[in-house]
Amino acid sequence: MKVTKENTGDLTAVLTINISEEDYAQKLDEQLKTHRRKANVPGFRPGQVPMGMIKKMYELPVRADIIEKGMSEAMYEFLDKEKIQIMGYPLANDEKTKIDWETQKEFTFYFDIALQPEFELNLDKIEETYYNIVPSDDMLDKFVEDLQRRFGQFSSPEKVEENDLVYGELSELDKDGNIKEDGALSTTSLSVNMIADKEIQSLFIGKEKDAEVIFDIAKAFPNETDRAAMLKMDKEDAKDLNTNFKFVISSINRIALHELNEELFEKAYKAEGIATLEDFRKRATKDLSETYRRESDRFFTNEATQKIVKGANFELPDEFMKRWLVSNSQEKLTMEQVEAEYEMYRDSLKWQLIETKLLEKFSLEVTKDEVKTYFKEALLGNYFPEGENETEEETKQRLEAMESVSENMMKNQDQTKQVYDYLYDQKLTQTLRDNLKVEEKSVTVDEFTKMVQDQTK
């Protein structure tokens, strides 16, 4: 097979693929013989069907398949050998390609291709602001309280109070107040202070073990996702639940807040030597600010990439890319739809080219070891914390268990991809922060929220 390229524009070309009978004859003969050995035709023993009959039955589709596969291989080998960087994939030029499978022995195929534009990245000329989100005093107080609760003392009181967690059985009732046959039923837990309706909250206050509380579940938990999780059912099924439920309390759990003392400071931030409440709150502020960092990173990266794309001084082969977008959508998009939204598609295509250049220039890659390390660090903090006065053998066993669990987590492709994407986004954001003209600015949560809302208008 012979492949040649002819430029049709600054960023477009046509590939011509000439195929002679010699290019496919041997494979065609081999495959027809294989069909003959396997053919089951009435009146003939296996392997004895006349070759003329086999050719009538199989030659055209077999030859077409061989030619199409060989043509694709030859085309991509040519692009690779000639180091031709293309956008999308080659599109068949149906106007120039005229094929008659019945009569032709030699074939010529034409494919249109789009060539990647050459351009330079000038990141140091782009100015952008990175917003450090500063939590309010109320947020910090709530965060500190959560730390006190996390390291607090568990107890099982006799009566329910506002901040208690109650366990029990939740049963759907019919209109007469009886347990509904085949209704929703779940053994679950409720945080009293998370109940949206204050009147329903008050129904729980003061109740003892084995007490019953009847309430409207839609009023108590307006969020259908919360209802679905509580009742262990699909979100769609929970969406229409607006009936009364009966909750029978089986146990009451309370956490007494840990005192704000050095013991808490050490438990929360081990080996950091925090001795005063002021230093503890400063460290907690740093932790709380970190929870908003992903939002700051996302906002910064979105703003920065838009500026980079708008400032990119190169064009695209627009007409080809419109054809390719329609083809690639597998009939989900029409040319009219692509035309109407092409500016958005064009910016996305430009960013893909820019991102590829960033990957090459700054070696933006996430390794398997980095993903595994992320899993390990998450496990260490949540499931395998170092115990007090841990022996060497206990440490060894803990680390071995953590290694085993992280290996199993790596086998979950969806979970691994989420971590990969997160780590990649971190590297991309840091690369942009390091190479753009970045001004850092502190803002409140409310100020940042307004900026995000304004961006989406």
Protein backbone atom coordinates (compact mmCIF):
# COMPACT_ATOMS: atom_id res chain seq x y z
CA MET A 1 0.00 0.00 0.00
CA LYS A 2 1.28 3.45 -0.91
CA VAL A 3 0.35 6.51 1.18
CA THR A 4 1.03 10.09 0.09
CA LYS A 5 0.12 13.47 1.55
CA GLU A 6 -0.89 16.65 -0.25
CA ASN A 7 -1.49 19.91 1.64
CA THR A 8 -4.84 21.52 0.92
CA GLY A 9 -4.42 24.49 3.28
CA ASP A 10 -2.18 25.83 6.04
CA LEU A 11 -3.57 23.27 8.49
CA THR A 12 -5.27 20.70 6.27
CA ALA A 13 -4.12 17.96 3.94
CA VAL A 14 -5.42 14.94 2.10
CA LEU A 15 -3.95 11.45 2.37
CA THR A 16 -4.10 9.28 -0.74
CA ILE A 17 -3.88 5.52 -0.20
CA ASN A 18 -3.32 3.35 -3.26
CA ILE A 19 -3.99 -0.35 -2.85
CA SER A 20 -3.03 -2.93 -5.45
CA GLU A 21 -4.24 -6.51 -5.69
CA GLU A 22 -0.82 -7.70 -4.49
CA ASP A 23 -1.39 -5.84 -1.19
CA TYR A 24 -4.27 -8.06 -0.13
CA ALA A 25 -4.26 -11.18 -2.36
CA GLN A 26 -2.33 -13.48 0.00
CA LYS A 27 -4.42 -12.63 3.08
CA LEU A 28 -7.61 -12.98 1.06
CA ASP A 29 -6.59 -16.43 -0.16
CA GLU A 30 -5.67 -17.54 3.39
CA GLN A 31 -8.94 -16.36 4.88
CA LEU A 32 -11.04 -17.90 2.12
CA LYS A 33 -9.30 -21.23 2.72
CA THR A 34 -10.10 -20.89 6.42
CA HIS A 35 -13.77 -20.30 5.58
CA ARG A 36 -13.72 -23.34 3.29
CA ARG A 37 -12.41 -25.57 6.11
CA LYS A 38 -15.13 -24.36 8.46
CA ALA A 39 -18.03 -23.99 6.02
CA ASN A 40 -21.08 -26.15 6.69
CA VAL A 41 -22.97 -26.36 3.38
CA PRO A 42 -25.67 -29.00 2.78
CA GLY A 43 -24.52 -31.59 0.25
CA PHE A 44 -20.80 -31.14 0.93
CA ARG A 45 -18.53 -32.64 3.53
CA PRO A 46 -16.63 -30.15 5.75
CA GLY A 47 -13.62 -28.81 3.86
CA GLN A 48 -14.91 -30.03 0.49
CA VAL A 49 -17.08 -27.07 -0.54
CA PRO A 50 -15.93 -25.82 -3.97
CA MET A 51 -13.76 -22.71 -3.74
CA GLY A 52 -15.93 -21.00 -6.36
CA MET A 53 -18.91 -21.29 -4.03
CA ILE A 54 -16.85 -20.04 -1.07
CA LYS A 55 -15.77 -16.99 -3.10
CA LYS A 56 -19.36 -16.17 -4.00
CA MET A 57 -20.36 -16.41 -0.35
CA TYR A 58 -17.43 -14.64 1.35
CA GLU A 59 -15.00 -12.93 -1.05
CA LEU A 60 -16.52 -9.44 -1.11
CA PRO A 61 -16.95 -8.92 2.68
CA VAL A 62 -13.63 -10.62 3.49
CA ARG A 63 -11.73 -8.53 0.94
CA ALA A 64 -13.36 -5.32 2.17
CA ASP A 65 -12.44 -6.14 5.76
CA ILE A 66 -8.80 -6.93 4.86
CA ILE A 67 -8.47 -3.74 2.82
CA GLU A 68 -10.05 -1.51 5.49
CA LYS A 69 -7.82 -2.89 8.25
CA GLY A 70 -4.69 -2.72 6.10
CA MET A 71 -5.55 0.79 4.95
CA SER A 72 -5.94 2.01 8.54
CA GLU A 73 -2.64 0.44 9.60
CA ALA A 74 -0.80 1.90 6.59
CA MET A 75 -2.26 5.35 7.19
CA TYR A 76 -1.21 5.55 10.86
CA GLU A 77 2.19 4.03 10.12
CA PHE A 78 2.71 6.78 7.55
CA LEU A 79 1.68 9.52 9.99
CA ASP A 80 3.98 8.09 12.65
CA LYS A 81 6.94 7.64 10.28
CA GLU A 82 6.58 11.15 8.85
CA LYS A 83 6.01 12.59 12.37
CA ILE A 84 2.79 14.27 11.27
CA GLN A 85 0.80 15.53 14.29
CA ILE A 86 -2.90 15.58 13.52
CA MET A 87 -6.02 16.80 15.31
CA GLY A 88 -8.89 14.39 15.81
CA TYR A 89 -8.65 11.56 13.31
CA PRO A 90 -8.70 11.25 9.49
CA LEU A 91 -12.10 11.70 7.85
CA ALA A 92 -12.99 9.84 4.68
CA ASN A 93 -13.32 12.11 1.65
CA ASP A 94 -16.42 10.59 0.09
CA GLU A 95 -16.45 13.03 -2.83
CA LYS A 96 -13.06 11.88 -4.11
CA THR A 97 -13.24 8.22 -3.07
CA LYS A 98 -15.19 6.14 -5.61
CA ILE A 99 -15.27 2.41 -4.89
CA ASP A 100 -17.02 -0.46 -6.66
CA TRP A 101 -16.31 -3.58 -4.61
CA GLU A 102 -17.89 -5.81 -7.27
CA THR A 103 -15.60 -4.90 -10.14
CA GLN A 104 -12.45 -3.21 -8.80
CA LYS A 105 -9.25 -5.03 -7.97
CA GLU A 106 -7.22 -1.94 -7.23
CA PHE A 107 -8.45 0.87 -5.00
CA THR A 108 -7.67 4.48 -4.15
CA PHE A 109 -8.94 6.01 -0.91
CA TYR A 110 -8.77 9.66 0.13
CA PHE A 111 -8.80 10.95 3.71
CA ASP A 112 -8.86 14.54 4.93
CA ILE A 113 -6.68 15.34 7.92
CA ALA A 114 -6.16 18.39 10.16
CA LEU A 115 -2.60 19.34 11.09
CA GLN A 116 -1.79 20.57 14.57
CA PRO A 117 -0.78 24.24 14.57
CA GLU A 118 2.64 25.23 15.88
CA PHE A 119 2.70 27.84 18.62
CA GLU A 120 4.70 29.09 21.61
CA LEU A 121 3.50 29.36 25.20
CA ASN A 122 4.13 32.70 26.90
CA LEU A 123 2.75 32.06 30.37
CA ASP A 124 4.85 34.71 32.07
CA LYS A 125 2.86 37.46 30.34
CA ILE A 126 -0.49 36.34 31.77
CA GLU A 127 -1.66 37.93 35.02
CA GLU A 128 -4.05 36.15 37.38
CA THR A 129 -5.15 36.37 41.03
CA TYR A 130 -5.12 33.46 43.46
CA TYR A 131 -7.67 33.87 46.24
CA ASN A 132 -6.87 32.55 49.70
CA ILE A 133 -10.19 31.98 51.43
CA VAL A 134 -10.16 33.11 55.07
CA PRO A 135 -12.82 31.46 57.28
CA SER A 136 -14.92 33.60 59.60
CA ASP A 137 -14.66 33.46 63.40
CA ASP A 138 -17.96 31.55 63.54
CA MET A 139 -16.60 28.94 61.12
CA LEU A 140 -13.43 28.61 63.17
CA ASP A 141 -15.44 28.19 66.37
CA LYS A 142 -17.49 25.43 64.73
CA PHE A 143 -14.34 23.74 63.43
CA VAL A 144 -12.72 23.81 66.89
CA GLU A 145 -15.91 22.40 68.37
CA ASP A 146 -15.81 19.57 65.83
CA LEU A 147 -12.26 18.77 66.97
CA GLN A 148 -13.43 18.79 70.59
CA ARG A 149 -16.24 16.42 69.66
CA ARG A 150 -13.91 14.18 67.62
CA PHE A 151 -11.67 13.60 70.63
CA GLY A 152 -14.46 13.82 73.20
CA GLN A 153 -15.85 11.22 75.58
CA PHE A 154 -18.64 8.94 74.41
CA SER A 155 -21.56 8.25 76.74
CA SER A 156 -25.03 6.67 76.61
CA PRO A 157 -27.37 9.05 78.47
CA GLU A 158 -30.90 8.17 79.52
CA LYS A 159 -32.60 11.08 77.76
CA VAL A 160 -32.11 12.69 74.34
CA GLU A 161 -30.64 16.18 74.04
CA GLU A 162 -30.24 18.43 70.99
CA ASN A 163 -26.72 17.33 69.98
CA ASP A 164 -27.23 13.59 70.54
CA LEU A 165 -27.14 10.79 67.98
CA VAL A 166 -30.04 8.35 68.30
CA TYR A 167 -30.14 4.85 66.82
CA GLY A 168 -33.30 2.92 66.07
CA GLU A 169 -35.78 1.52 63.58
CA LEU A 170 -37.52 3.81 61.11
CA SER A 171 -40.84 2.51 59.71
CA GLU A 172 -43.18 4.04 57.13
CA LEU A 173 -46.80 4.47 58.29
CA ASP A 174 -50.03 4.33 56.32
CA LYS A 175 -52.76 6.98 56.44
CA ASP A 176 -54.27 5.30 59.53
CA GLY A 177 -51.00 5.50 61.45
CA ASN A 178 -50.17 1.81 61.20
CA ILE A 179 -46.93 0.37 59.89
CA LYS A 180 -47.39 0.21 56.13
CA GLU A 181 -47.24 -3.22 54.53
CA ASP A 182 -44.24 -3.34 52.18
CA GLY A 183 -43.42 0.23 53.24
CA ALA A 184 -39.94 1.65 53.78
CA LEU A 185 -38.13 0.14 56.76
CA SER A 186 -34.61 0.82 57.96
CA THR A 187 -32.39 0.51 61.02
CA THR A 188 -30.55 3.81 61.03
CA SER A 189 -29.23 6.73 63.06
CA LEU A 190 -30.37 10.36 63.33
CA SER A 191 -28.47 13.42 64.47
CA VAL A 192 -31.13 15.39 66.27
CA ASN A 193 -29.58 18.76 65.49
CA MET A 194 -29.57 17.89 61.76
CA ILE A 195 -33.38 17.63 61.64
CA ALA A 196 -34.51 20.63 59.56
CA ASP A 197 -37.87 21.21 61.27
CA LYS A 198 -37.51 22.61 64.82
CA GLU A 199 -40.89 21.24 65.93
CA ILE A 200 -39.83 17.73 64.90
CA GLN A 201 -36.52 18.23 66.71
CA SER A 202 -38.45 19.02 69.89
CA LEU A 203 -40.32 15.69 69.61
CA PHE A 204 -37.02 13.88 70.26
CA ILE A 205 -35.79 16.05 73.13
CA GLY A 206 -36.25 14.32 76.48
CA LYS A 207 -37.18 10.95 74.99
CA GLU A 208 -35.73 7.76 76.53
CA LYS A 209 -34.72 4.39 75.12
CA ASP A 210 -37.64 2.46 73.49
CA ALA A 211 -39.64 5.68 73.05
CA GLU A 212 -41.50 6.23 69.77
CA VAL A 213 -41.45 9.42 67.71
CA ILE A 214 -43.80 9.95 64.76
CA PHE A 215 -42.91 12.64 62.23
CA ASP A 216 -43.16 13.71 58.59
CA ILE A 217 -39.89 12.55 57.03
CA ALA A 218 -40.03 15.09 54.16
CA LYS A 219 -40.25 17.98 56.64
CA ALA A 220 -37.53 16.54 58.86
CA PHE A 221 -35.15 15.85 55.97
CA PRO A 222 -36.07 17.93 52.89
CA ASN A 223 -32.97 16.75 51.02
CA GLU A 224 -33.93 13.59 49.12
CA THR A 225 -30.32 12.40 49.09
CA ASP A 226 -30.29 12.42 52.90
CA ARG A 227 -33.59 10.53 52.99
CA ALA A 228 -32.32 7.95 50.52
CA ALA A 229 -29.16 7.32 52.57
CA MET A 230 -31.12 7.04 55.79
CA LEU A 231 -33.64 4.60 54.32
CA LYS A 232 -31.06 2.74 52.23
CA MET A 233 -33.02 3.18 49.00
CA ASP A 234 -32.58 4.78 45.59
CA LYS A 235 -32.72 8.55 45.44
CA GLU A 236 -35.64 8.45 42.98
CA ASP A 237 -37.68 6.28 45.34
CA ALA A 238 -36.96 8.59 48.28
CA LYS A 239 -37.91 11.66 46.25
CA ASP A 240 -41.67 11.06 46.52
CA LEU A 241 -41.73 10.03 50.18
CA ASN A 242 -43.78 12.57 52.13
CA THR A 243 -45.59 10.33 54.61
CA ASN A 244 -45.26 9.93 58.37
CA PHE A 245 -42.64 7.60 59.81
CA LYS A 246 -42.25 6.07 63.23
CA PHE A 247 -38.82 6.02 64.85
CA VAL A 248 -38.29 3.65 67.79
CA ILE A 249 -35.22 4.66 69.79
CA SER A 250 -32.92 1.73 70.55
CA SER A 251 -29.93 3.69 71.92
CA ILE A 252 -28.79 7.24 72.64
CA ASN A 253 -25.23 8.37 72.08
CA ARG A 254 -23.60 11.56 73.24
CA ILE A 255 -20.13 12.96 72.91
CA ALA A 256 -18.93 15.23 75.71
CA LEU A 257 -16.69 17.88 74.19
CA HIS A 258 -13.01 17.56 75.06
CA GLU A 259 -11.64 20.40 77.14
CA LEU A 260 -9.55 23.01 75.35
CA ASN A 261 -6.25 21.95 76.88
CA GLU A 262 -2.83 20.68 75.89
CA GLU A 263 -4.09 17.09 75.82
CA LEU A 264 -6.52 18.04 73.03
CA PHE A 265 -3.86 20.08 71.21
CA GLU A 266 -1.56 17.04 71.17
CA LYS A 267 -4.31 14.64 70.05
CA ALA A 268 -5.41 16.91 67.23
CA TYR A 269 -1.92 17.93 66.05
CA LYS A 270 0.46 15.30 67.25
CA ALA A 271 4.10 16.25 67.86
CA GLU A 272 3.60 19.87 66.77
CA GLY A 273 4.25 21.21 70.25
CA ILE A 274 1.14 23.38 70.48
CA ALA A 275 0.82 24.67 74.03
CA THR A 276 -1.59 27.63 73.94
CA LEU A 277 -5.17 28.13 72.81
CA GLU A 278 -4.04 30.95 70.53
CA ASP A 279 -1.58 28.70 68.71
CA PHE A 280 -4.18 25.95 68.56
CA ARG A 281 -6.69 28.27 66.88
CA LYS A 282 -4.02 29.45 64.42
CA ARG A 283 -3.27 25.85 63.51
CA ALA A 284 -6.98 25.07 63.22
CA THR A 285 -7.41 28.12 60.96
CA LYS A 286 -4.74 26.70 58.66
CA ASP A 287 -6.58 23.36 58.58
CA LEU A 288 -9.94 24.98 57.93
CA SER A 289 -8.51 27.16 55.16
CA GLU A 290 -7.15 23.99 53.54
CA THR A 291 -10.70 22.67 53.20
CA TYR A 292 -11.42 25.59 50.88
CA ARG A 293 -8.21 25.21 48.90
CA ARG A 294 -9.76 22.94 46.27
CA GLU A 295 -12.35 25.61 45.53
CA SER A 296 -9.62 28.26 45.29
CA ASP A 297 -7.55 26.01 43.02
CA ARG A 298 -10.52 25.25 40.77
CA PHE A 299 -11.50 28.90 40.44
CA PHE A 300 -7.93 30.00 39.76
CA THR A 301 -7.33 27.27 37.17
CA ASN A 302 -10.59 27.99 35.35
CA GLU A 303 -9.84 31.70 35.18
CA ALA A 304 -6.22 31.12 34.16
CA THR A 305 -7.00 28.61 31.41
CA GLN A 306 -9.59 30.96 29.89
CA LYS A 307 -6.99 33.73 29.71
CA ILE A 308 -4.38 31.36 28.26
CA VAL A 309 -6.81 30.19 25.55
CA LYS A 310 -7.90 33.73 24.68
CA GLY A 311 -4.28 34.82 24.48
CA ALA A 312 -3.20 31.83 22.38
CA ASN A 313 -1.95 33.18 19.07
CA PHE A 314 -2.84 30.34 16.72
CA GLU A 315 -5.75 29.30 14.52
CA LEU A 316 -7.51 25.98 14.03
CA PRO A 317 -8.71 24.29 10.82
CA ASP A 318 -12.26 25.21 11.80
CA GLU A 319 -14.22 23.66 8.93
CA PHE A 320 -12.48 20.30 9.36
CA MET A 321 -12.96 20.38 13.13
CA LYS A 322 -16.68 21.03 12.71
CA ARG A 323 -16.94 17.93 10.52
CA TRP A 324 -14.89 15.95 13.03
CA LEU A 325 -17.05 17.05 15.99
CA VAL A 326 -20.17 15.83 14.20
CA SER A 327 -18.48 12.55 13.25
CA ASN A 328 -17.06 11.99 16.73
CA SER A 329 -20.45 12.57 18.38
CA GLN A 330 -21.79 9.40 16.73
CA GLU A 331 -24.94 11.18 15.48
CA LYS A 332 -25.58 12.96 18.80
CA LEU A 333 -24.70 16.33 17.25
CA THR A 334 -25.81 17.93 13.99
CA MET A 335 -23.77 20.40 11.98
CA GLU A 336 -26.29 23.10 12.94
CA GLN A 337 -25.68 22.42 16.66
CA VAL A 338 -21.91 22.47 16.21
CA GLU A 339 -22.08 25.71 14.23
CA ALA A 340 -24.17 27.35 16.96
CA GLU A 341 -21.77 26.39 19.76
CA TYR A 342 -18.51 26.23 17.86
CA GLU A 343 -16.81 28.99 19.87
CA MET A 344 -17.08 26.80 22.98
CA TYR A 345 -15.82 23.74 21.10
CA ARG A 346 -12.96 25.73 19.54
CA ASP A 347 -11.78 26.97 22.96
CA SER A 348 -11.90 23.40 24.29
CA LEU A 349 -9.87 22.12 21.32
CA LYS A 350 -7.34 24.91 21.77
CA TRP A 351 -6.97 24.08 25.46
CA GLN A 352 -6.32 20.42 24.62
CA LEU A 353 -3.38 21.47 22.43
CA ILE A 354 -2.10 23.89 25.07
CA GLU A 355 -2.44 21.29 27.82
CA THR A 356 -0.49 18.76 25.76
CA LYS A 357 2.33 21.30 25.44
CA LEU A 358 2.21 21.95 29.19
CA LEU A 359 2.44 18.19 29.83
CA GLU A 360 5.55 17.95 27.68
CA LYS A 361 7.22 21.14 28.89
CA PHE A 362 6.68 20.66 32.63
CA SER A 363 6.47 16.84 32.79
CA LEU A 364 2.95 16.93 34.24
CA GLU A 365 2.37 13.28 34.95
CA VAL A 366 0.94 11.33 37.85
CA THR A 367 2.64 8.02 38.61
CA LYS A 368 1.16 4.87 40.03
CA ASP A 369 3.33 5.32 43.13
CA GLU A 370 1.90 8.81 43.71
CA VAL A 371 -1.65 7.46 43.56
CA LYS A 372 -0.75 4.69 45.96
CA THR A 373 0.92 7.14 48.34
CA TYR A 374 -2.27 9.23 48.33
CA PHE A 375 -4.31 6.18 49.33
CA LYS A 376 -1.82 5.33 52.07
CA GLU A 377 -1.90 8.82 53.54
CA ALA A 378 -5.69 8.80 53.54
CA LEU A 379 -5.71 5.39 55.23
CA LEU A 380 -3.09 6.47 57.77
CA GLY A 381 -5.16 9.38 58.97
CA ASN A 382 -8.58 7.73 58.95
CA TYR A 383 -8.13 4.02 59.54
CA PHE A 384 -4.56 3.22 60.56
CA PRO A 385 -3.47 5.99 62.95
CA GLU A 386 -0.42 5.35 65.04
CA GLY A 387 -1.45 4.13 68.49
CA GLU A 388 -0.08 5.45 71.74
CA ASN A 389 2.93 3.48 72.98
CA GLU A 390 2.82 1.36 69.82
CA THR A 391 5.38 -1.46 69.77
CA GLU A 392 7.66 -2.16 66.82
CA GLU A 393 5.68 -5.29 65.98
CA GLU A 394 2.38 -3.42 66.11
CA THR A 395 3.79 -0.75 63.80
CA LYS A 396 4.90 -3.44 61.36
CA GLN A 397 1.47 -5.08 61.36
CA ARG A 398 -0.29 -1.74 60.93
CA LEU A 399 1.87 -0.75 57.96
CA GLU A 400 1.46 -4.19 56.33
CA ALA A 401 -2.32 -3.94 56.70
CA MET A 402 -2.27 -0.43 55.24
CA GLU A 403 -0.16 -1.67 52.30
CA SER A 404 -2.62 -4.48 51.61
CA VAL A 405 -5.67 -2.20 51.75
CA SER A 406 -4.06 0.41 49.49
CA GLU A 407 -3.20 -2.31 46.94
CA ASN A 408 -6.86 -3.37 46.89
CA MET A 409 -7.98 0.24 46.49
CA MET A 410 -5.70 0.56 43.46
CA LYS A 411 -7.70 -2.23 41.79
CA ASN A 412 -10.82 -0.04 41.81
CA GLN A 413 -10.47 1.74 38.45
CA ASP A 414 -13.08 4.43 39.14
CA GLN A 415 -11.59 5.28 42.53
CA THR A 416 -8.06 5.28 41.14
CA LYS A 417 -9.07 7.56 38.26
CA GLN A 418 -10.64 10.04 40.69
CA VAL A 419 -7.40 10.20 42.66
CA TYR A 420 -5.35 10.44 39.46
CA ASP A 421 -7.48 13.35 38.22
CA TYR A 422 -7.22 15.10 41.58
CA LEU A 423 -3.43 14.78 41.73
CA TYR A 424 -3.11 15.89 38.11
CA ASP A 425 -5.28 18.95 38.76
CA GLN A 426 -3.07 19.80 41.74
CA LYS A 427 0.05 19.65 39.57
CA LEU A 428 -1.55 21.69 36.81
CA THR A 429 -2.69 24.38 39.25
CA GLN A 430 0.74 24.58 40.87
CA THR A 431 2.44 24.78 37.47
CA LEU A 432 0.21 27.69 36.49
CA ARG A 433 0.84 29.42 39.84
CA ASP A 434 4.59 29.00 39.35
CA ASN A 435 4.69 30.29 35.78
CA LEU A 436 2.01 33.00 35.52
CA LYS A 437 2.19 36.46 37.06
CA VAL A 438 0.15 35.61 40.14
CA GLU A 439 -1.06 38.01 42.81
CA GLU A 440 -2.36 36.42 46.01
CA LYS A 441 -5.33 37.98 47.74
CA SER A 442 -7.21 37.03 50.91
CA VAL A 443 -11.02 37.01 50.76
CA THR A 444 -13.86 35.90 53.01
CA VAL A 445 -16.01 32.88 52.18
CA ASP A 446 -18.92 35.19 51.26
CA GLU A 447 -16.72 37.28 48.95
CA PHE A 448 -15.41 34.17 47.22
CA THR A 449 -18.91 32.71 46.87
CA LYS A 450 -20.08 35.91 45.16
CA MET A 451 -17.17 35.77 42.71
CA VAL A 452 -18.03 32.18 41.78
CA GLN A 453 -21.68 33.10 41.31
CA ASP A 454 -20.77 36.08 39.14
CA GLN A 455 -18.53 33.83 37.03
CA THR A 456 -21.39 31.43 36.27
CA LYS A 457 -23.90 34.11 35.26
